[in-house]
Amino acid sequence: MKNLVIASEYRKLRLLHILFTAEQNYTKKELAGLLHCSIKTLDSDIKSLQEIFDPAIAYVHEDEYHVLFDVGEQVNFSYLYAMTVSNSYMYLISKDIFAGKRQNLTDWAEENFSSLPTMYRRVRQIDTYLAESRLVLETTPLDIKGTEIRLRFYYFQIYSRSYPYTKWPFPEIPYARVNDFIKTVESCFGIYFSLSARINYALAIAVCLERVKQGYHYTMTQADLHSWKSIAEAQREFHPVDYSILEDIVGFEMSKDEHYVNVLMCFWTNFSYVDERQAEVRVKNSQLVNPHKHELAQDLVKLLEVYHIHNTTHILAETIDFLTRFLFIDKMNTLPEVPYTHVAPDKHELSQKIRTVLNSFETNPNHRYIRSNKAMIIHYLTDFYNIVIQQEQQYRILHVKIVSENGYFWEEYLRTELRKRYSEEQLIICDELHSHEHMQHIDLIISDFPFYEEIGITADTLVWNMPPVKKDFEQLDVFLNKKNERFTK
């Protein structure tokens, strides 16, 4: 199957998602109702999914009453999504164009065993999708035209959404070297990429480097350079970004514009701050250099005030970072996510509040991007803020770290004593004292030795006896009561 993964193909993705996440078996009639289609159309979709997936990976089939779905080991929905994208006409055509092939439509159809009528139909759909991204599909020869940054973002979408099925798709650009560059970006800005976000950022960089090697260059506008300033100000001293790594990969010196854009593409994915101080630096510099964006982000985060969220600075920094995605691209048209079959009422209410804030800013010339990207912004922020609200209950539980001068066995003994006396709704015992990847949430350190020299530790501390005595547990009870009082006010 070479179906196009755009709006017209949502139904197949939704069918796949419903079957993958189902806690019950559905009849054809029930599935057709959920998908708002006929049983005949459902039969066609089932056949299409059978054609794309090897039965060892995923297999849609029927028994006498239900539609069933078998999935292989170590296969998640993201892999199935990536496999679907990788078999789409859009991916196959875009990959050939990106690689520099200049075929006409007839030759491409023949090479890919597709009939011309099917090709013309699919090309019209691709052209419609690209038009929404403000790009144009040409057919003589096959090519995609548009501004350089829009093209780079489009190809990044194609390659990131087809991973991990395609694995690393750039054999001449070693991932290990790109990752070395990413590590210098992390050190410079005090941020951290998860393994999956790191892959996405690396794919964006690889797309950029391939375009540069092919002779395509990006030039920043004065507005772009101004935005870069707000980010550059957040750099940590003595931790420079090593651009020579990229130049070693492409084999020649690159312009400052290309240096900067390879850093700024980190906003096309997600990252975390190593500590709260770095989040504060980011917020402060954004307020000074780009007050318009800071004002919008602040109004959005204010929507969470009713939930008494504790780490609003970090949430504000992440909101600013998300809005920074629109630095260069006024219309960020992403490949489709699978729509939710059900949206909780409180989540719907939150999305409406976000929409209201965006509506109040969209006529401001500093926020022209809102109108074209409103649906995407609402979807992302609703999911993000909803997770924050859910996690707040966890933060209200006391997070405790145990440290003993006598070592592991004494620490394990004290952990056992705490578990005997306190439930998981009262306290959580943490593992790490210092995290080298992202912020570790610890409210209280219980130790038999004071931490006078450790100035970097911001958590409260209780110095206990080992083994603990009655007075020690009474101290902890007082601490727990005070914490509960703060959240109930």
Protein backbone atom coordinates (compact mmCIF):
# COMPACT_ATOMS: atom_id res chain seq x y z
CA MET A 1 0.00 0.00 0.00
CA LYS A 2 1.26 3.44 -0.90
CA ASN A 3 -1.41 5.60 0.63
CA LEU A 4 -0.82 9.25 1.33
CA VAL A 5 -0.66 10.11 5.02
CA ILE A 6 -2.69 13.34 4.93
CA ALA A 7 -6.19 14.31 6.10
CA SER A 8 -7.93 11.93 3.67
CA GLU A 9 -6.03 9.01 5.27
CA TYR A 10 -6.83 9.81 8.90
CA ARG A 11 -9.39 7.05 8.92
CA LYS A 12 -6.84 4.27 8.38
CA LEU A 13 -4.57 5.70 11.05
CA ARG A 14 -7.49 5.99 13.42
CA LEU A 15 -8.50 2.40 12.72
CA LEU A 16 -4.96 1.31 13.45
CA HIS A 17 -4.88 3.37 16.66
CA ILE A 18 -8.28 2.14 17.89
CA LEU A 19 -7.28 -1.49 17.36
CA PHE A 20 -3.86 -0.96 18.92
CA THR A 21 -5.16 0.68 22.10
CA ALA A 22 -8.44 -1.25 22.43
CA GLU A 23 -9.21 -2.91 25.76
CA GLN A 24 -12.04 -4.82 24.12
CA ASN A 25 -12.78 -6.45 20.77
CA TYR A 26 -14.94 -4.50 18.32
CA THR A 27 -17.39 -5.73 15.73
CA LYS A 28 -17.24 -4.30 12.22
CA LYS A 29 -20.43 -2.37 12.89
CA GLU A 30 -18.92 -0.80 16.04
CA LEU A 31 -15.70 0.13 14.24
CA ALA A 32 -17.58 1.61 11.29
CA GLY A 33 -19.55 3.72 13.77
CA LEU A 34 -16.40 4.98 15.49
CA LEU A 35 -14.82 5.84 12.12
CA HIS A 36 -18.03 7.28 10.59
CA CYS A 37 -17.73 5.09 7.50
CA SER A 38 -19.55 2.21 5.84
CA ILE A 39 -18.69 -1.45 6.46
CA LYS A 40 -17.62 -1.68 2.82
CA THR A 41 -15.11 1.14 3.36
CA LEU A 42 -13.93 -0.54 6.56
CA ASP A 43 -13.31 -3.77 4.62
CA SER A 44 -11.17 -1.82 2.17
CA ASP A 45 -9.18 -0.23 5.01
CA ILE A 46 -8.57 -3.61 6.63
CA LYS A 47 -7.28 -4.98 3.34
CA SER A 48 -4.97 -1.96 2.94
CA LEU A 49 -3.46 -2.51 6.40
CA GLN A 50 -2.94 -6.19 5.63
CA GLU A 51 -0.98 -5.20 2.52
CA ILE A 52 1.36 -2.77 4.28
CA PHE A 53 2.33 -4.81 7.35
CA ASP A 54 4.19 -8.08 7.53
CA PRO A 55 2.02 -10.39 9.71
CA ALA A 56 4.98 -10.83 12.09
CA ILE A 57 4.86 -7.06 12.78
CA ALA A 58 1.13 -6.37 12.76
CA TYR A 59 -1.87 -8.26 11.43
CA VAL A 60 -5.49 -7.11 11.18
CA HIS A 61 -7.90 -10.01 10.78
CA GLU A 62 -11.42 -11.17 11.66
CA ASP A 63 -13.07 -13.98 13.55
CA GLU A 64 -16.76 -14.79 13.39
CA TYR A 65 -17.80 -11.65 15.29
CA HIS A 66 -14.88 -9.24 15.77
CA VAL A 67 -11.99 -7.45 14.07
CA LEU A 68 -8.76 -8.54 15.77
CA PHE A 69 -5.28 -7.06 15.82
CA ASP A 70 -2.06 -8.96 16.53
CA VAL A 71 1.17 -7.01 17.13
CA GLY A 72 4.71 -8.36 17.26
CA GLU A 73 7.04 -7.95 20.23
CA GLN A 74 8.92 -4.64 20.59
CA VAL A 75 6.47 -2.93 18.19
CA ASN A 76 4.74 0.22 19.40
CA PHE A 77 2.27 2.49 17.62
CA SER A 78 4.98 4.99 16.64
CA TYR A 79 6.72 2.23 14.69
CA LEU A 80 3.50 1.33 12.87
CA TYR A 81 2.89 5.01 12.12
CA ALA A 82 6.46 5.38 10.79
CA MET A 83 6.03 2.30 8.64
CA THR A 84 2.80 3.72 7.19
CA VAL A 85 4.48 7.05 6.40
CA SER A 86 7.45 5.27 4.82
CA ASN A 87 5.15 3.48 2.39
CA SER A 88 3.25 6.61 1.34
CA TYR A 89 3.56 8.22 -2.07
CA MET A 90 4.43 11.47 -0.34
CA TYR A 91 7.44 9.97 1.43
CA LEU A 92 8.70 8.05 -1.60
CA ILE A 93 8.44 11.01 -3.98
CA SER A 94 9.89 13.47 -1.44
CA LYS A 95 12.83 11.15 -0.65
CA ASP A 96 13.74 10.88 -4.35
CA ILE A 97 13.48 14.65 -4.83
CA PHE A 98 15.62 15.27 -1.74
CA ALA A 99 18.24 12.82 -3.04
CA GLY A 100 18.53 14.87 -6.25
CA LYS A 101 16.64 12.64 -8.67
CA ARG A 102 15.00 14.63 -11.45
CA GLN A 103 12.47 12.22 -12.95
CA ASN A 104 9.30 13.06 -14.79
CA LEU A 105 6.00 11.71 -13.55
CA THR A 106 5.75 8.89 -16.08
CA ASP A 107 9.23 7.51 -15.35
CA TRP A 108 8.69 7.67 -11.58
CA ALA A 109 5.35 5.84 -11.90
CA GLU A 110 6.94 3.11 -14.01
CA GLU A 111 9.88 2.69 -11.62
CA ASN A 112 7.54 2.43 -8.63
CA PHE A 113 4.98 0.11 -10.29
CA SER A 114 2.18 2.65 -10.16
CA SER A 115 -0.41 3.39 -12.84
CA LEU A 116 -0.54 6.93 -14.24
CA PRO A 117 -4.18 7.51 -13.16
CA THR A 118 -3.21 6.58 -9.58
CA MET A 119 -0.14 8.82 -9.80
CA TYR A 120 -2.14 11.82 -11.00
CA ARG A 121 -4.65 11.34 -8.17
CA ARG A 122 -1.92 11.06 -5.53
CA VAL A 123 0.08 13.97 -6.94
CA ARG A 124 -2.99 16.21 -6.67
CA GLN A 125 -3.32 15.21 -3.01
CA ILE A 126 0.38 15.83 -2.35
CA ASP A 127 0.18 19.20 -4.08
CA THR A 128 -2.79 20.17 -1.90
CA TYR A 129 -0.89 19.22 1.25
CA LEU A 130 2.24 21.08 0.15
CA ALA A 131 0.21 24.16 -0.69
CA GLU A 132 -0.86 24.29 2.95
CA SER A 133 2.85 24.35 3.81
CA ARG A 134 3.30 27.13 1.22
CA LEU A 135 5.32 24.84 -1.04
CA VAL A 136 4.72 23.85 -4.66
CA LEU A 137 5.06 20.42 -6.30
CA GLU A 138 6.38 20.52 -9.85
CA THR A 139 6.07 17.48 -12.11
CA THR A 140 8.39 18.19 -15.09
CA PRO A 141 10.64 17.04 -13.54
CA LEU A 142 9.37 16.11 -10.07
CA ASP A 143 10.54 18.81 -7.64
CA ILE A 144 9.35 20.75 -4.59
CA LYS A 145 9.81 24.53 -4.61
CA GLY A 146 9.61 27.05 -1.80
CA THR A 147 11.70 29.07 0.61
CA GLU A 148 14.75 27.21 1.91
CA ILE A 149 13.67 27.07 5.55
CA ARG A 150 10.20 25.75 4.64
CA LEU A 151 11.78 23.07 2.50
CA ARG A 152 14.12 22.05 5.30
CA PHE A 153 11.26 21.81 7.78
CA TYR A 154 9.19 19.76 5.33
CA TYR A 155 12.00 17.27 4.73
CA PHE A 156 12.64 17.13 8.48
CA GLN A 157 8.97 16.16 8.90
CA ILE A 158 9.26 13.45 6.25
CA TYR A 159 12.37 11.88 7.78
CA SER A 160 11.46 12.27 11.46
CA ARG A 161 7.98 10.80 11.06
CA SER A 162 9.30 7.81 9.07
CA TYR A 163 11.87 7.03 11.79
CA PRO A 164 12.42 4.47 13.39
CA TYR A 165 11.16 2.27 10.54
CA THR A 166 13.70 3.73 8.10
CA LYS A 167 16.50 3.80 10.70
CA TRP A 168 19.20 6.48 10.19
CA PRO A 169 18.62 7.59 6.55
CA PHE A 170 21.83 9.60 5.92
CA PRO A 171 24.77 7.20 5.37
CA GLU A 172 27.23 10.02 4.53
CA ILE A 173 26.42 11.95 7.71
CA PRO A 174 27.46 9.87 10.76
CA TYR A 175 24.96 10.12 13.59
CA ALA A 176 27.76 9.89 16.18
CA ARG A 177 29.35 13.11 14.89
CA VAL A 178 26.02 14.94 14.77
CA ASN A 179 25.42 13.80 18.35
CA ASP A 180 28.82 15.25 19.33
CA PHE A 181 27.57 18.61 18.05
CA ILE A 182 24.27 18.22 19.95
CA LYS A 183 26.22 17.61 23.16
CA THR A 184 27.99 20.98 22.75
CA VAL A 185 24.58 22.66 22.27
CA GLU A 186 23.38 21.00 25.48
CA SER A 187 26.42 22.22 27.42
CA CYS A 188 26.16 25.71 25.97
CA PHE A 189 22.52 26.30 26.88
CA GLY A 190 22.12 24.06 29.93
CA ILE A 191 19.52 21.85 28.27
CA TYR A 192 19.03 18.14 27.75
CA PHE A 193 17.51 16.08 24.91
CA SER A 194 15.90 12.73 25.61
CA LEU A 195 17.09 9.90 23.36
CA SER A 196 14.06 10.20 21.05
CA ALA A 197 14.21 14.02 20.91
CA ARG A 198 17.95 13.75 20.24
CA ILE A 199 17.26 11.60 17.17
CA ASN A 200 14.73 14.15 15.89
CA TYR A 201 17.17 17.03 16.39
CA ALA A 202 19.91 15.01 14.66
CA LEU A 203 17.59 14.37 11.69
CA ALA A 204 16.90 18.11 11.40
CA ILE A 205 20.64 18.84 11.42
CA ALA A 206 21.30 16.11 8.84
CA VAL A 207 18.66 17.58 6.51
CA CYS A 208 20.35 20.98 6.86
CA LEU A 209 23.81 19.60 6.14
CA GLU A 210 22.59 17.67 3.09
CA ARG A 211 20.99 20.84 1.70
CA VAL A 212 24.22 22.78 2.29
CA LYS A 213 26.25 20.06 0.53
CA GLN A 214 23.83 20.26 -2.40
CA GLY A 215 24.51 24.00 -2.71
CA TYR A 216 21.38 25.36 -1.02
CA HIS A 217 21.99 28.03 1.62
CA TYR A 218 19.91 29.87 4.17
CA THR A 219 20.28 33.58 4.90
CA MET A 220 18.83 35.00 8.10
CA THR A 221 16.81 38.20 8.06
CA GLN A 222 17.33 41.02 10.56
CA ALA A 223 14.26 39.78 12.45
CA ASP A 224 15.80 36.30 12.59
CA LEU A 225 19.06 37.71 13.93
CA HIS A 226 17.15 39.67 16.59
CA SER A 227 15.44 36.47 17.71
CA TRP A 228 18.79 34.69 17.75
CA LYS A 229 20.05 37.32 20.18
CA SER A 230 17.46 36.35 22.82
CA ILE A 231 18.67 32.76 22.59
CA ALA A 232 22.38 33.56 22.38
CA GLU A 233 22.14 35.59 25.59
CA ALA A 234 21.19 32.39 27.43
CA GLN A 235 24.48 30.69 26.59
CA ARG A 236 26.55 29.50 29.52
CA GLU A 237 30.07 30.91 29.87
CA PHE A 238 32.95 28.59 28.92
CA HIS A 239 30.61 26.21 27.06
CA PRO A 240 30.74 27.27 23.38
CA VAL A 241 28.93 25.46 20.56
CA ASP A 242 31.52 23.64 18.44
CA TYR A 243 30.52 24.43 14.85
CA SER A 244 33.72 22.87 13.52
CA ILE A 245 32.08 19.46 13.98
CA LEU A 246 29.50 20.34 11.32
CA GLU A 247 32.15 21.77 9.02
CA ASP A 248 34.18 18.57 9.32
CA ILE A 249 31.09 16.63 8.20
CA VAL A 250 30.37 18.76 5.11
CA GLY A 251 34.06 19.33 4.30
CA PHE A 252 34.06 23.13 4.11
CA GLU A 253 33.51 26.29 6.17
CA MET A 254 29.90 27.27 6.76
CA SER A 255 28.37 30.73 7.17
CA LYS A 256 27.23 32.12 10.52
CA ASP A 257 23.65 31.88 9.28
CA GLU A 258 24.07 28.14 8.81
CA HIS A 259 25.74 27.88 12.22
CA TYR A 260 22.84 29.61 13.92
CA VAL A 261 20.07 27.75 12.10
CA ASN A 262 21.57 24.40 13.12
CA VAL A 263 21.22 25.50 16.75
CA LEU A 264 17.77 27.01 16.32
CA MET A 265 16.39 23.81 14.82
CA CYS A 266 16.48 22.34 18.33
CA PHE A 267 13.15 24.15 18.79
CA TRP A 268 11.61 21.85 16.16
CA THR A 269 11.74 19.13 18.81
CA ASN A 270 11.61 19.14 22.63
CA PHE A 271 14.24 19.50 25.32
CA SER A 272 14.42 19.97 29.09
CA TYR A 273 16.44 22.35 31.24
CA VAL A 274 19.18 20.88 33.41
CA ASP A 275 18.14 23.03 36.36
CA GLU A 276 15.66 25.71 37.34
CA ARG A 277 18.28 28.44 37.05
CA GLN A 278 18.68 27.83 33.31
CA ALA A 279 14.92 28.07 32.86
CA GLU A 280 15.00 31.39 34.73
CA VAL A 281 17.80 32.68 32.46
CA ARG A 282 15.77 31.73 29.38
CA VAL A 283 12.68 33.54 30.67
CA LYS A 284 14.65 36.64 31.67
CA ASN A 285 16.37 37.02 28.30
CA SER A 286 13.16 36.43 26.40
CA GLN A 287 11.48 39.20 28.38
CA LEU A 288 14.32 41.62 27.61
CA VAL A 289 14.85 40.84 23.92
CA ASN A 290 11.44 39.58 22.77
CA PRO A 291 8.84 41.03 25.16
CA HIS A 292 5.94 40.33 22.76
CA LYS A 293 6.52 36.59 22.82
CA HIS A 294 7.12 36.68 26.58
CA GLU A 295 3.79 38.46 27.12
CA LEU A 296 1.88 35.83 25.12
CA ALA A 297 3.61 32.97 26.92
CA GLN A 298 2.90 34.58 30.28
CA ASP A 299 -0.81 34.97 29.51
CA LEU A 300 -0.99 31.33 28.44
CA VAL A 301 0.71 30.07 31.59
CA LYS A 302 -1.62 32.21 33.73
CA LEU A 303 -4.38 29.78 32.72
CA LEU A 304 -2.77 27.31 35.13
CA GLU A 305 -3.03 29.60 38.17
CA VAL A 306 -6.27 27.98 39.31
CA TYR A 307 -4.40 24.66 39.63
CA HIS A 308 -1.70 26.14 41.93
CA ILE A 309 1.13 24.77 39.79
CA HIS A 310 4.43 24.96 41.65
CA ASN A 311 7.08 25.24 38.89
CA THR A 312 5.59 27.92 36.66
CA THR A 313 9.02 29.31 35.65
CA HIS A 314 9.96 26.05 34.00
CA ILE A 315 6.54 25.83 32.30
CA LEU A 316 6.88 29.44 31.12
CA ALA A 317 10.32 28.66 29.66
CA GLU A 318 8.96 25.63 27.79
CA THR A 319 6.02 27.68 26.47
CA ILE A 320 8.45 30.34 25.20
CA ASP A 321 10.54 27.61 23.57
CA PHE A 322 7.49 26.16 21.84
CA LEU A 323 6.53 29.58 20.43
CA THR A 324 10.13 29.93 19.22
CA ARG A 325 9.37 27.17 16.70
CA PHE A 326 7.67 29.85 14.63
CA LEU A 327 10.78 32.00 14.32
CA PHE A 328 11.25 31.29 10.63
CA ILE A 329 8.14 29.43 9.53
CA ASP A 330 4.89 31.36 9.43
CA LYS A 331 2.94 28.18 8.59
CA MET A 332 4.19 25.04 10.33
CA ASN A 333 2.21 22.29 8.62
CA THR A 334 2.97 19.02 10.38
CA LEU A 335 2.15 15.50 9.30
CA PRO A 336 -1.07 14.38 10.98
CA GLU A 337 -1.30 13.06 14.49
CA VAL A 338 -3.93 10.47 15.24
CA PRO A 339 -7.00 12.34 16.53
CA TYR A 340 -8.34 11.40 19.93
CA THR A 341 -11.51 9.32 19.92
CA HIS A 342 -12.64 11.07 23.12
CA VAL A 343 -11.62 14.36 24.71
CA ALA A 344 -12.29 14.78 28.43
CA PRO A 345 -14.54 17.77 29.29
CA ASP A 346 -11.88 19.48 31.43
CA LYS A 347 -9.35 19.12 28.60
CA HIS A 348 -11.85 20.62 26.15
CA GLU A 349 -12.40 23.53 28.55
CA LEU A 350 -8.64 24.10 28.75
CA SER A 351 -8.31 24.14 24.95
CA GLN A 352 -11.07 26.76 24.74
CA LYS A 353 -9.24 28.97 27.25
CA ILE A 354 -6.04 28.65 25.20
CA ARG A 355 -7.99 29.58 22.06
CA THR A 356 -9.35 32.69 23.78
CA VAL A 357 -5.83 33.88 24.70
CA LEU A 358 -4.56 33.25 21.16
CA ASN A 359 -7.54 35.09 19.67
CA SER A 360 -6.64 38.16 21.72
CA PHE A 361 -3.09 38.17 20.28
CA GLU A 362 -3.56 37.07 16.67
CA THR A 363 -4.22 40.57 15.27
CA ASN A 364 -0.95 41.83 16.76
CA PRO A 365 1.62 42.13 13.91
CA ASN A 366 4.23 40.52 16.20
CA HIS A 367 2.13 37.36 16.30
CA ARG A 368 1.14 36.90 12.64
CA TYR A 369 1.96 33.21 12.89
CA ILE A 370 -0.94 32.53 15.29
CA ARG A 371 -3.73 32.64 12.72
CA SER A 372 -2.08 30.08 10.41
CA ASN A 373 -0.94 27.77 13.20
CA LYS A 374 -3.72 28.17 15.76
CA ALA A 375 -5.02 24.60 15.60
CA MET A 376 -1.52 23.18 16.05
CA ILE A 377 -0.69 25.54 18.93
CA ILE A 378 -3.94 24.72 20.75
CA HIS A 379 -3.42 20.97 20.30
CA TYR A 380 0.16 21.08 21.59
CA LEU A 381 -0.43 23.38 24.56
CA THR A 382 -3.60 21.57 25.61
CA ASP A 383 -1.69 18.28 25.79
CA PHE A 384 1.30 19.91 27.52
CA TYR A 385 -0.71 21.82 30.14
CA ASN A 386 -2.98 18.84 30.76
CA ILE A 387 0.04 16.69 31.61
CA VAL A 388 1.34 19.45 33.90
CA ILE A 389 -2.00 19.56 35.73
CA GLN A 390 -2.04 15.78 36.16
CA GLN A 391 1.55 15.74 37.43
CA GLU A 392 0.88 18.45 40.00
CA GLN A 393 -0.76 15.88 42.25
CA GLN A 394 2.51 13.94 42.22
CA TYR A 395 4.47 17.06 43.17
CA ARG A 396 2.21 17.52 46.18
CA ILE A 397 3.52 14.23 47.50
CA LEU A 398 6.73 14.70 49.49
CA HIS A 399 9.78 13.54 47.48
CA VAL A 400 12.50 12.30 49.84
CA LYS A 401 16.13 11.36 49.22
CA ILE A 402 17.97 9.20 51.79
CA VAL A 403 21.74 9.72 52.32
CA SER A 404 23.78 7.92 54.97
CA GLU A 405 27.42 8.36 55.92
CA ASN A 406 27.54 4.58 56.47
CA GLY A 407 26.47 3.72 52.94
CA TYR A 408 23.92 1.68 51.02
CA PHE A 409 22.73 -0.82 53.62
CA TRP A 410 21.92 1.88 56.15
CA GLU A 411 20.12 3.86 53.47
CA GLU A 412 18.12 0.79 52.46
CA TYR A 413 17.24 0.15 56.13
CA LEU A 414 15.89 3.70 56.48
CA ARG A 415 13.94 3.43 53.22
CA THR A 416 12.28 0.28 54.62
CA GLU A 417 11.38 2.07 57.87
CA LEU A 418 9.81 4.96 55.93
CA ARG A 419 7.77 2.61 53.76
CA LYS A 420 6.42 0.94 56.89
CA ARG A 421 5.20 4.22 58.37
CA TYR A 422 4.13 6.30 55.34
CA SER A 423 2.03 5.51 52.27
CA GLU A 424 2.95 6.37 48.66
CA GLU A 425 0.29 9.10 48.82
CA GLN A 426 2.36 10.76 51.57
CA LEU A 427 5.93 10.44 50.31
CA ILE A 428 8.00 9.11 47.41
CA ILE A 429 11.58 7.93 47.92
CA CYS A 430 13.87 9.26 45.15
CA ASP A 431 17.02 7.65 43.78
CA GLU A 432 19.27 10.42 42.50
CA LEU A 433 20.64 13.39 44.41
CA HIS A 434 22.22 15.02 41.38
CA SER A 435 20.85 14.41 37.88
CA HIS A 436 23.14 15.07 34.94
CA GLU A 437 20.32 14.90 32.41
CA HIS A 438 17.42 16.98 33.67
CA MET A 439 15.98 18.50 36.81
CA GLN A 440 15.43 16.05 39.65
CA HIS A 441 12.50 16.91 41.90
CA ILE A 442 13.51 16.41 45.55
CA ASP A 443 11.74 18.21 48.40
CA LEU A 444 13.65 16.81 51.36
CA ILE A 445 16.95 15.08 52.08
CA ILE A 446 17.11 12.92 55.21
CA SER A 447 20.69 12.23 56.27
CA ASP A 448 22.79 11.37 59.29
CA PHE A 449 25.34 13.94 58.16
CA PRO A 450 24.80 17.67 57.37
CA PHE A 451 25.53 19.08 53.87
CA TYR A 452 27.25 22.34 54.81
CA GLU A 453 29.61 22.30 51.83
CA GLU A 454 27.06 21.34 49.17
CA ILE A 455 25.86 24.81 48.20
CA GLY A 456 24.20 23.50 45.01
CA ILE A 457 21.56 21.55 46.94
CA THR A 458 18.32 23.52 47.20
CA ALA A 459 16.13 20.87 48.90
CA ASP A 460 15.27 21.07 52.59
CA THR A 461 17.23 18.74 54.88
CA LEU A 462 16.59 16.84 58.11
CA VAL A 463 19.56 15.48 60.04
CA TRP A 464 18.52 12.20 61.67
CA ASN A 465 20.05 9.69 63.96
CA MET A 466 20.93 6.28 62.53
CA PRO A 467 18.99 4.23 63.38
CA PRO A 468 16.23 6.85 63.70
CA VAL A 469 14.55 7.67 67.00
CA LYS A 470 11.03 8.88 67.81
CA LYS A 471 12.07 12.55 67.61
CA ASP A 472 13.24 12.07 64.01
CA PHE A 473 9.87 10.77 62.82
CA GLU A 474 8.14 13.60 64.68
CA GLN A 475 10.28 16.07 62.69
CA LEU A 476 9.15 14.43 59.45
CA ASP A 477 5.50 14.54 60.53
CA VAL A 478 5.80 18.29 61.15
CA PHE A 479 7.39 18.75 57.70
CA LEU A 480 4.61 16.76 56.02
CA ASN A 481 1.91 18.76 57.81
CA LYS A 482 3.45 22.07 56.73
CA LYS A 483 3.65 20.89 53.11
CA ASN A 484 0.00 19.81 53.14
CA GLU A 485 -1.03 23.15 54.63
CA ARG A 486 0.68 25.03 51.78
CA PHE A 487 -1.33 23.15 49.16
CA THR A 488 -4.67 23.39 50.95
CA LYS A 489 -4.58 27.16 51.34
